[in-house]
Amino acid sequence: MPTRDSEDGARLLQGTLDLLILRTLLPGPQHGQAVARSIQRESEDVFLVDHGSLYLALQRLEEHNLVDATWGVSDNNRRARFYQLTRAGRTQLQRETRDWQTATDILARFLSPGETR
């Protein structure tokens, strides 16, 4: 997943695309292009999801029964696959969110200036 400013940011966030997709689908079903736009918008244009990575991730999530996909019609009257979270997907989202919160808390302790150990 490239970022607007650097490839270093992309490496740092490697493996987070699944989490971002699951979170994006929490409010309800969306087609792939809407998922990509939502991630870009919510990250204030920092994360730019390329379509190849997005659709591979969606396929992987579907294979792991974390999302379901159905065919429908998008806002611009084009045929599109709409993805929605499964019960297992919601559970996975909760688990991964907890893991990320724990990791960021730990990193914040390491990176907080002025604190001694």
C-alpha atoms as a PDB file:
ATOM      1  CA  MET A   1       0.000   0.000   0.000  1.00  0.00           C
ATOM      2  CA  PRO A   2       1.829   3.124  -1.126  1.00  0.00           C
ATOM      3  CA  THR A   3       1.691   6.330   0.828  1.00  0.00           C
ATOM      4  CA  ARG A   4       1.631   9.795  -0.562  1.00  0.00           C
ATOM      5  CA  ASP A   5       5.001  10.731   0.894  1.00  0.00           C
ATOM      6  CA  SER A   6       7.232   7.690   1.128  1.00  0.00           C
ATOM      7  CA  GLU A   7       7.807   4.029   0.539  1.00  0.00           C
ATOM      8  CA  ASP A   8       9.114   3.794   4.120  1.00  0.00           C
ATOM      9  CA  GLY A   9       5.587   4.437   5.358  1.00  0.00           C
ATOM     10  CA  ALA A  10       4.318   1.663   3.108  1.00  0.00           C
ATOM     11  CA  ARG A  11       6.803  -0.806   4.588  1.00  0.00           C
ATOM     12  CA  LEU A  12       5.921   0.247   8.109  1.00  0.00           C
ATOM     13  CA  LEU A  13       2.244  -0.406   7.448  1.00  0.00           C
ATOM     14  CA  GLN A  14       2.670  -3.612   5.501  1.00  0.00           C
ATOM     15  CA  GLY A  15       0.118  -6.100   6.758  1.00  0.00           C
ATOM     16  CA  THR A  16      -2.364  -3.490   7.935  1.00  0.00           C
ATOM     17  CA  LEU A  17      -4.449  -3.405   4.765  1.00  0.00           C
ATOM     18  CA  ASP A  18      -6.684  -6.220   5.997  1.00  0.00           C
ATOM     19  CA  LEU A  19      -7.368  -4.316   9.207  1.00  0.00           C
ATOM     20  CA  LEU A  20      -8.151  -1.118   7.308  1.00  0.00           C
ATOM     21  CA  ILE A  21     -10.531  -2.966   4.995  1.00  0.00           C
ATOM     22  CA  LEU A  22     -12.318  -4.694   7.864  1.00  0.00           C
ATOM     23  CA  ARG A  23     -12.722  -1.374   9.684  1.00  0.00           C
ATOM     24  CA  THR A  24     -13.969   0.330   6.529  1.00  0.00           C
ATOM     25  CA  LEU A  25     -16.651  -2.333   6.094  1.00  0.00           C
ATOM     26  CA  LEU A  26     -17.880  -2.061   9.699  1.00  0.00           C
ATOM     27  CA  PRO A  27     -20.705   0.413   8.903  1.00  0.00           C
ATOM     28  CA  GLY A  28     -21.997  -1.762   6.051  1.00  0.00           C
ATOM     29  CA  PRO A  29     -21.369  -3.237   2.600  1.00  0.00           C
ATOM     30  CA  GLN A  30     -19.208  -1.377   0.085  1.00  0.00           C
ATOM     31  CA  HIS A  31     -17.749  -2.119  -3.322  1.00  0.00           C
ATOM     32  CA  GLY A  32     -13.980  -2.237  -3.764  1.00  0.00           C
ATOM     33  CA  GLN A  33     -13.551   1.239  -5.215  1.00  0.00           C
ATOM     34  CA  ALA A  34     -15.536   2.730  -2.309  1.00  0.00           C
ATOM     35  CA  VAL A  35     -13.314   0.856   0.164  1.00  0.00           C
ATOM     36  CA  ALA A  36     -10.188   2.311  -1.462  1.00  0.00           C
ATOM     37  CA  ARG A  37     -11.636   5.841  -1.480  1.00  0.00           C
ATOM     38  CA  SER A  38     -12.722   5.530   2.149  1.00  0.00           C
ATOM     39  CA  ILE A  39      -9.247   4.467   3.282  1.00  0.00           C
ATOM     40  CA  GLN A  40      -7.696   7.324   1.334  1.00  0.00           C
ATOM     41  CA  ARG A  41     -10.195   9.845   2.731  1.00  0.00           C
ATOM     42  CA  GLU A  42      -9.951   8.638   6.350  1.00  0.00           C
ATOM     43  CA  SER A  43      -6.149   8.720   6.195  1.00  0.00           C
ATOM     44  CA  GLU A  44      -6.304  12.260   4.783  1.00  0.00           C
ATOM     45  CA  ASP A  45      -4.719  11.079   1.527  1.00  0.00           C
ATOM     46  CA  VAL A  46      -1.733   9.447   3.235  1.00  0.00           C
ATOM     47  CA  PHE A  47      -2.686   5.859   2.319  1.00  0.00           C
ATOM     48  CA  LEU A  48      -3.306   5.266  -1.356  1.00  0.00           C
ATOM     49  CA  VAL A  49      -4.527   1.711  -1.903  1.00  0.00           C
ATOM     50  CA  ASP A  50      -3.638   0.352  -5.323  1.00  0.00           C
ATOM     51  CA  HIS A  51      -6.310  -1.816  -6.887  1.00  0.00           C
ATOM     52  CA  GLY A  52      -4.124  -4.898  -7.216  1.00  0.00           C
ATOM     53  CA  SER A  53      -3.359  -4.968  -3.501  1.00  0.00           C
ATOM     54  CA  LEU A  54      -6.942  -4.142  -2.580  1.00  0.00           C
ATOM     55  CA  TYR A  55      -8.548  -6.910  -4.596  1.00  0.00           C
ATOM     56  CA  LEU A  56      -5.980  -9.488  -3.490  1.00  0.00           C
ATOM     57  CA  ALA A  57      -6.697  -8.545   0.120  1.00  0.00           C
ATOM     58  CA  LEU A  58     -10.470  -8.697  -0.431  1.00  0.00           C
ATOM     59  CA  GLN A  59     -10.097 -12.116  -2.044  1.00  0.00           C
ATOM     60  CA  ARG A  60      -7.957 -13.327   0.865  1.00  0.00           C
ATOM     61  CA  LEU A  61     -10.487 -11.994   3.394  1.00  0.00           C
ATOM     62  CA  GLU A  62     -13.276 -13.739   1.527  1.00  0.00           C
ATOM     63  CA  GLU A  63     -11.332 -17.032   1.433  1.00  0.00           C
ATOM     64  CA  HIS A  64     -10.896 -16.777   5.218  1.00  0.00           C
ATOM     65  CA  ASN A  65     -14.642 -16.099   5.639  1.00  0.00           C
ATOM     66  CA  LEU A  66     -14.003 -12.663   7.100  1.00  0.00           C
ATOM     67  CA  VAL A  67     -16.059 -10.947   4.377  1.00  0.00           C
ATOM     68  CA  ASP A  68     -18.876 -12.013   2.082  1.00  0.00           C
ATOM     69  CA  ALA A  69     -19.215 -10.688  -1.443  1.00  0.00           C
ATOM     70  CA  THR A  70     -22.310 -10.272  -3.578  1.00  0.00           C
ATOM     71  CA  TRP A  71     -22.854  -8.698  -6.975  1.00  0.00           C
ATOM     72  CA  GLY A  72     -24.783  -5.446  -7.138  1.00  0.00           C
ATOM     73  CA  VAL A  73     -24.979  -2.107  -8.900  1.00  0.00           C
ATOM     74  CA  SER A  74     -22.795   0.821  -7.814  1.00  0.00           C
ATOM     75  CA  ASP A  75     -23.899   4.454  -7.545  1.00  0.00           C
ATOM     76  CA  ASN A  76     -22.845   5.038 -11.147  1.00  0.00           C
ATOM     77  CA  ASN A  77     -24.930   2.066 -12.390  1.00  0.00           C
ATOM     78  CA  ARG A  78     -21.979  -0.254 -12.917  1.00  0.00           C
ATOM     79  CA  ARG A  79     -21.933  -3.868 -11.879  1.00  0.00           C
ATOM     80  CA  ALA A  80     -19.701  -4.305  -8.832  1.00  0.00           C
ATOM     81  CA  ARG A  81     -18.987  -6.733  -6.035  1.00  0.00           C
ATOM     82  CA  PHE A  82     -20.113  -5.501  -2.651  1.00  0.00           C
ATOM     83  CA  TYR A  83     -18.244  -6.739   0.395  1.00  0.00           C
ATOM     84  CA  GLN A  84     -19.547  -6.981   3.942  1.00  0.00           C
ATOM     85  CA  LEU A  85     -18.169  -8.240   7.229  1.00  0.00           C
ATOM     86  CA  THR A  86     -19.090 -11.678   8.468  1.00  0.00           C
ATOM     87  CA  ARG A  87     -19.409 -12.535  12.153  1.00  0.00           C
ATOM     88  CA  ALA A  88     -15.861 -13.933  11.958  1.00  0.00           C
ATOM     89  CA  GLY A  89     -14.740 -10.686  10.307  1.00  0.00           C
ATOM     90  CA  ARG A  90     -16.156  -8.623  13.174  1.00  0.00           C
ATOM     91  CA  THR A  91     -14.366 -10.855  15.680  1.00  0.00           C
ATOM     92  CA  GLN A  92     -11.108 -10.551  13.719  1.00  0.00           C
ATOM     93  CA  LEU A  93     -11.507  -6.767  13.570  1.00  0.00           C
ATOM     94  CA  GLN A  94     -11.917  -6.612  17.357  1.00  0.00           C
ATOM     95  CA  ARG A  95      -8.874  -8.835  17.871  1.00  0.00           C
ATOM     96  CA  GLU A  96      -6.650  -6.897  15.479  1.00  0.00           C
ATOM     97  CA  THR A  97      -7.820  -3.561  16.891  1.00  0.00           C
ATOM     98  CA  ARG A  98      -6.883  -4.705  20.408  1.00  0.00           C
ATOM     99  CA  ASP A  99      -3.488  -5.915  19.156  1.00  0.00           C
ATOM    100  CA  TRP A 100      -2.779  -2.580  17.427  1.00  0.00           C
ATOM    101  CA  GLN A 101      -3.853  -0.590  20.469  1.00  0.00           C
ATOM    102  CA  THR A 102      -1.524  -2.644  22.651  1.00  0.00           C
ATOM    103  CA  ALA A 103       1.346  -2.214  20.181  1.00  0.00           C
ATOM    104  CA  THR A 104       0.847   1.544  19.885  1.00  0.00           C
ATOM    105  CA  ASP A 105       0.679   1.915  23.679  1.00  0.00           C
ATOM    106  CA  ILE A 106       3.985   0.080  23.995  1.00  0.00           C
ATOM    107  CA  LEU A 107       5.590   2.119  21.200  1.00  0.00           C
ATOM    108  CA  ALA A 108       4.363   5.346  22.792  1.00  0.00           C
ATOM    109  CA  ARG A 109       6.130   4.395  26.026  1.00  0.00           C
ATOM    110  CA  PHE A 110       9.374   3.770  24.138  1.00  0.00           C
ATOM    111  CA  LEU A 111       9.124   6.933  22.109  1.00  0.00           C
ATOM    112  CA  SER A 112       7.878   9.363  24.787  1.00  0.00           C
ATOM    113  CA  PRO A 113      10.532  12.002  25.330  1.00  0.00           C
ATOM    114  CA  GLY A 114      11.696  12.823  28.821  1.00  0.00           C
ATOM    115  CA  GLU A 115      10.668   9.600  30.458  1.00  0.00           C
ATOM    116  CA  THR A 116      13.308   7.515  32.170  1.00  0.00           C
ATOM    117  CA  ARG A 117      13.523   3.772  32.534  1.00  0.00           C
END
